[in-house]
Amino acid sequence: MKGWIYFARHGLEGPIKIGRTEDPFRRLMDLSVGTPIELVLLGAMLSEQTSLEEEEIQQRLSVHHIRGEWFKAEAVLNEMARLGSRVVPPDQVKACRGDCGWSKSANLNIRVSSDEKALWRATARAQNKSLSEWVREVLNPVAGVDGAL
């Protein structure tokens, strides 16, 4: 399923839920019915394969699992940092409600620091790949998203 993988925090210091949906804000409204504490969207990332990617992220964080799709906050925040520019802030998610123009052939404009780009380039070289090839594989190995830097 094409959609969002979202990261939502229970209050300001609570655990973080990792889930998938077509509309993160609607999903948080639905989840908020059962809790007196506000759920806060920390960010989300678009994916052509939300089920697969959500499962991979949750598997990486399995030692930090609390219950259901809830994980210890520090571990999830570190994972979000690892995912880098793929995770967009809530205001960009909101601007993208409806149609984001996301497709398998999308040319992504990725903004990263020069240090992060140098690390990516070195990683790509170590795998005998161009930076663009490596980015495409990392961003979405199943769908073959065209990511350009």
C-alpha atoms as a PDB file:
ATOM      1  CA  MET A   1       0.000   0.000   0.000  1.00  0.00           C
ATOM      2  CA  LYS A   2       1.236   3.467  -0.856  1.00  0.00           C
ATOM      3  CA  GLY A   3       0.978   5.818   2.100  1.00  0.00           C
ATOM      4  CA  TRP A   4       2.676   7.134   5.207  1.00  0.00           C
ATOM      5  CA  ILE A   5       4.651   5.513   7.972  1.00  0.00           C
ATOM      6  CA  TYR A   6       4.108   7.819  10.926  1.00  0.00           C
ATOM      7  CA  PHE A   7       5.750   8.409  14.285  1.00  0.00           C
ATOM      8  CA  ALA A   8       3.348   9.666  16.984  1.00  0.00           C
ATOM      9  CA  ARG A   9       4.254  10.398  20.577  1.00  0.00           C
ATOM     10  CA  HIS A  10       1.963   9.898  23.558  1.00  0.00           C
ATOM     11  CA  GLY A  11       2.167  13.333  25.158  1.00  0.00           C
ATOM     12  CA  LEU A  12       5.409  15.261  25.391  1.00  0.00           C
ATOM     13  CA  GLU A  13       7.564  12.537  26.939  1.00  0.00           C
ATOM     14  CA  GLY A  14       5.699   9.277  26.362  1.00  0.00           C
ATOM     15  CA  PRO A  15       6.385   6.301  24.126  1.00  0.00           C
ATOM     16  CA  ILE A  16       6.151   6.570  20.345  1.00  0.00           C
ATOM     17  CA  LYS A  17       3.801   4.667  18.063  1.00  0.00           C
ATOM     18  CA  ILE A  18       5.021   3.560  14.647  1.00  0.00           C
ATOM     19  CA  GLY A  19       2.134   2.952  12.298  1.00  0.00           C
ATOM     20  CA  ARG A  20       0.999   3.235   8.694  1.00  0.00           C
ATOM     21  CA  THR A  21      -1.905   5.072   7.157  1.00  0.00           C
ATOM     22  CA  GLU A  22      -3.045   7.092   4.169  1.00  0.00           C
ATOM     23  CA  ASP A  23      -3.674  10.150   6.398  1.00  0.00           C
ATOM     24  CA  PRO A  24      -1.587  10.515   9.590  1.00  0.00           C
ATOM     25  CA  PHE A  25      -3.724  13.346  10.996  1.00  0.00           C
ATOM     26  CA  ARG A  26      -6.989  11.447  10.583  1.00  0.00           C
ATOM     27  CA  ARG A  27      -5.341   8.363  12.104  1.00  0.00           C
ATOM     28  CA  LEU A  28      -4.215  10.345  15.165  1.00  0.00           C
ATOM     29  CA  MET A  29      -7.725  11.762  15.579  1.00  0.00           C
ATOM     30  CA  ASP A  30      -9.110   8.215  15.540  1.00  0.00           C
ATOM     31  CA  LEU A  31      -6.523   7.009  18.070  1.00  0.00           C
ATOM     32  CA  SER A  32      -7.063  10.037  20.334  1.00  0.00           C
ATOM     33  CA  VAL A  33     -10.610   8.948  21.159  1.00  0.00           C
ATOM     34  CA  GLY A  34      -9.268   6.371  23.615  1.00  0.00           C
ATOM     35  CA  THR A  35      -6.726   8.490  25.467  1.00  0.00           C
ATOM     36  CA  PRO A  36      -6.919  11.653  27.603  1.00  0.00           C
ATOM     37  CA  ILE A  37      -3.343  12.540  26.628  1.00  0.00           C
ATOM     38  CA  GLU A  38      -2.751  14.185  23.261  1.00  0.00           C
ATOM     39  CA  LEU A  39      -0.990  12.196  20.559  1.00  0.00           C
ATOM     40  CA  VAL A  40       1.631  14.311  18.814  1.00  0.00           C
ATOM     41  CA  LEU A  41       2.753  13.629  15.257  1.00  0.00           C
ATOM     42  CA  LEU A  42       6.559  13.842  15.254  1.00  0.00           C
ATOM     43  CA  GLY A  43       6.953  13.130  11.539  1.00  0.00           C
ATOM     44  CA  ALA A  44       6.132  10.700   8.774  1.00  0.00           C
ATOM     45  CA  MET A  45       7.642   9.263   5.640  1.00  0.00           C
ATOM     46  CA  LEU A  46       6.064   8.414   2.325  1.00  0.00           C
ATOM     47  CA  SER A  47       6.395   4.863   1.129  1.00  0.00           C
ATOM     48  CA  GLU A  48       5.277   2.745  -1.783  1.00  0.00           C
ATOM     49  CA  GLN A  49       5.458  -0.325   0.494  1.00  0.00           C
ATOM     50  CA  THR A  50       4.202   0.845   3.888  1.00  0.00           C
ATOM     51  CA  SER A  51       3.573  -2.650   5.292  1.00  0.00           C
ATOM     52  CA  LEU A  52       7.048  -3.866   4.426  1.00  0.00           C
ATOM     53  CA  GLU A  53       8.884  -0.755   5.595  1.00  0.00           C
ATOM     54  CA  GLU A  54       6.856  -0.408   8.795  1.00  0.00           C
ATOM     55  CA  GLU A  55       7.637  -4.038   9.628  1.00  0.00           C
ATOM     56  CA  GLU A  56      11.365  -3.508   8.928  1.00  0.00           C
ATOM     57  CA  ILE A  57      11.491  -0.462  11.213  1.00  0.00           C
ATOM     58  CA  GLN A  58       9.586  -2.233  13.975  1.00  0.00           C
ATOM     59  CA  GLN A  59      11.860  -5.273  13.646  1.00  0.00           C
ATOM     60  CA  ARG A  60      14.977  -3.083  14.011  1.00  0.00           C
ATOM     61  CA  LEU A  61      13.447  -1.659  17.199  1.00  0.00           C
ATOM     62  CA  SER A  62      12.093  -4.936  18.572  1.00  0.00           C
ATOM     63  CA  VAL A  63      14.310  -4.851  21.687  1.00  0.00           C
ATOM     64  CA  HIS A  64      12.693  -1.471  22.510  1.00  0.00           C
ATOM     65  CA  HIS A  65       9.129  -2.729  22.009  1.00  0.00           C
ATOM     66  CA  ILE A  66       6.618  -1.873  24.736  1.00  0.00           C
ATOM     67  CA  ARG A  67       3.261  -3.134  23.457  1.00  0.00           C
ATOM     68  CA  GLY A  68       1.446  -3.225  20.124  1.00  0.00           C
ATOM     69  CA  GLU A  69       3.072  -0.637  17.890  1.00  0.00           C
ATOM     70  CA  TRP A  70       4.489   1.379  20.813  1.00  0.00           C
ATOM     71  CA  PHE A  71       8.232   1.680  21.402  1.00  0.00           C
ATOM     72  CA  LYS A  72      10.588   3.428  23.809  1.00  0.00           C
ATOM     73  CA  ALA A  73      10.934   7.037  22.704  1.00  0.00           C
ATOM     74  CA  GLU A  74      14.726   7.321  22.652  1.00  0.00           C
ATOM     75  CA  ALA A  75      15.102   4.339  20.324  1.00  0.00           C
ATOM     76  CA  VAL A  76      12.470   5.657  17.902  1.00  0.00           C
ATOM     77  CA  LEU A  77      14.002   9.143  17.886  1.00  0.00           C
ATOM     78  CA  ASN A  78      17.368   7.561  17.016  1.00  0.00           C
ATOM     79  CA  GLU A  79      15.705   5.564  14.220  1.00  0.00           C
ATOM     80  CA  MET A  80      14.064   8.719  12.871  1.00  0.00           C
ATOM     81  CA  ALA A  81      17.490  10.396  12.829  1.00  0.00           C
ATOM     82  CA  ARG A  82      18.911   7.366  10.991  1.00  0.00           C
ATOM     83  CA  LEU A  83      16.158   7.655   8.393  1.00  0.00           C
ATOM     84  CA  GLY A  84      17.220  11.280   7.916  1.00  0.00           C
ATOM     85  CA  SER A  85      15.483  13.349   5.279  1.00  0.00           C
ATOM     86  CA  ARG A  86      12.936  10.623   4.530  1.00  0.00           C
ATOM     87  CA  VAL A  87      11.086  11.636   7.690  1.00  0.00           C
ATOM     88  CA  VAL A  88       9.263  14.885   7.041  1.00  0.00           C
ATOM     89  CA  PRO A  89       7.927  17.200   9.739  1.00  0.00           C
ATOM     90  CA  PRO A  90       4.183  17.442  10.485  1.00  0.00           C
ATOM     91  CA  ASP A  91       3.710  20.697   8.541  1.00  0.00           C
ATOM     92  CA  GLN A  92       4.989  19.026   5.356  1.00  0.00           C
ATOM     93  CA  VAL A  93       2.750  16.021   6.005  1.00  0.00           C
ATOM     94  CA  LYS A  94      -0.214  18.392   6.393  1.00  0.00           C
ATOM     95  CA  ALA A  95       0.688  20.210   3.159  1.00  0.00           C
ATOM     96  CA  CYS A  96       0.684  16.837   1.429  1.00  0.00           C
ATOM     97  CA  ARG A  97      -2.819  15.767   2.507  1.00  0.00           C
ATOM     98  CA  GLY A  98      -4.759  14.559  -0.468  1.00  0.00           C
ATOM     99  CA  ASP A  99      -2.352  14.073  -3.352  1.00  0.00           C
ATOM    100  CA  CYS A 100       1.366  14.454  -2.827  1.00  0.00           C
ATOM    101  CA  GLY A 101       2.250  13.595  -6.381  1.00  0.00           C
ATOM    102  CA  TRP A 102       4.090  10.552  -5.017  1.00  0.00           C
ATOM    103  CA  SER A 103       4.839   7.918  -7.596  1.00  0.00           C
ATOM    104  CA  LYS A 104       7.417   5.239  -8.282  1.00  0.00           C
ATOM    105  CA  SER A 105       9.046   7.522 -10.820  1.00  0.00           C
ATOM    106  CA  ALA A 106       9.128  10.570  -8.556  1.00  0.00           C
ATOM    107  CA  ASN A 107      12.340  12.554  -8.648  1.00  0.00           C
ATOM    108  CA  LEU A 108      12.965  13.314  -4.990  1.00  0.00           C
ATOM    109  CA  ASN A 109      14.665  16.497  -3.914  1.00  0.00           C
ATOM    110  CA  ILE A 110      16.564  15.380  -0.834  1.00  0.00           C
ATOM    111  CA  ARG A 111      18.220  17.925   1.402  1.00  0.00           C
ATOM    112  CA  VAL A 112      21.035  16.630   3.556  1.00  0.00           C
ATOM    113  CA  SER A 113      24.037  18.187   5.225  1.00  0.00           C
ATOM    114  CA  SER A 114      27.325  18.081   3.351  1.00  0.00           C
ATOM    115  CA  ASP A 115      28.687  15.692   6.005  1.00  0.00           C
ATOM    116  CA  GLU A 116      25.742  13.314   5.559  1.00  0.00           C
ATOM    117  CA  LYS A 117      26.061  13.504   1.773  1.00  0.00           C
ATOM    118  CA  ALA A 118      29.793  12.702   2.019  1.00  0.00           C
ATOM    119  CA  LEU A 119      28.987   9.690   4.197  1.00  0.00           C
ATOM    120  CA  TRP A 120      26.341   8.551   1.693  1.00  0.00           C
ATOM    121  CA  ARG A 121      28.790   8.975  -1.188  1.00  0.00           C
ATOM    122  CA  ALA A 122      31.462   6.933   0.624  1.00  0.00           C
ATOM    123  CA  THR A 123      28.928   4.205   1.397  1.00  0.00           C
ATOM    124  CA  ALA A 124      27.825   4.115  -2.248  1.00  0.00           C
ATOM    125  CA  ARG A 125      31.439   3.895  -3.455  1.00  0.00           C
ATOM    126  CA  ALA A 126      32.133   1.041  -1.043  1.00  0.00           C
ATOM    127  CA  GLN A 127      29.258  -0.834  -2.700  1.00  0.00           C
ATOM    128  CA  ASN A 128      30.481   0.065  -6.220  1.00  0.00           C
ATOM    129  CA  LYS A 129      27.383   2.163  -6.880  1.00  0.00           C
ATOM    130  CA  SER A 130      26.716   5.719  -7.898  1.00  0.00           C
ATOM    131  CA  LEU A 131      25.237   7.965  -5.224  1.00  0.00           C
ATOM    132  CA  SER A 132      21.908   8.088  -7.095  1.00  0.00           C
ATOM    133  CA  GLU A 133      21.808   4.282  -7.397  1.00  0.00           C
ATOM    134  CA  TRP A 134      22.510   3.869  -3.701  1.00  0.00           C
ATOM    135  CA  VAL A 135      19.897   6.477  -2.694  1.00  0.00           C
ATOM    136  CA  ARG A 136      17.240   4.784  -4.846  1.00  0.00           C
ATOM    137  CA  GLU A 137      17.929   1.443  -3.166  1.00  0.00           C
ATOM    138  CA  VAL A 138      17.947   2.881   0.335  1.00  0.00           C
ATOM    139  CA  LEU A 139      14.838   4.992  -0.136  1.00  0.00           C
ATOM    140  CA  ASN A 140      12.699   2.234  -1.512  1.00  0.00           C
ATOM    141  CA  PRO A 141      14.370  -1.009  -2.534  1.00  0.00           C
ATOM    142  CA  VAL A 142      11.097  -2.643  -3.594  1.00  0.00           C
ATOM    143  CA  ALA A 143       9.478   0.132  -5.615  1.00  0.00           C
ATOM    144  CA  GLY A 144      12.662   1.489  -7.210  1.00  0.00           C
ATOM    145  CA  VAL A 145      12.005   5.136  -6.414  1.00  0.00           C
ATOM    146  CA  ASP A 146      14.164   7.496  -8.444  1.00  0.00           C
ATOM    147  CA  GLY A 147      15.961   9.646  -5.858  1.00  0.00           C
ATOM    148  CA  ALA A 148      18.208  12.398  -7.167  1.00  0.00           C
ATOM    149  CA  LEU A 149      20.522  14.580  -5.135  1.00  0.00           C
END
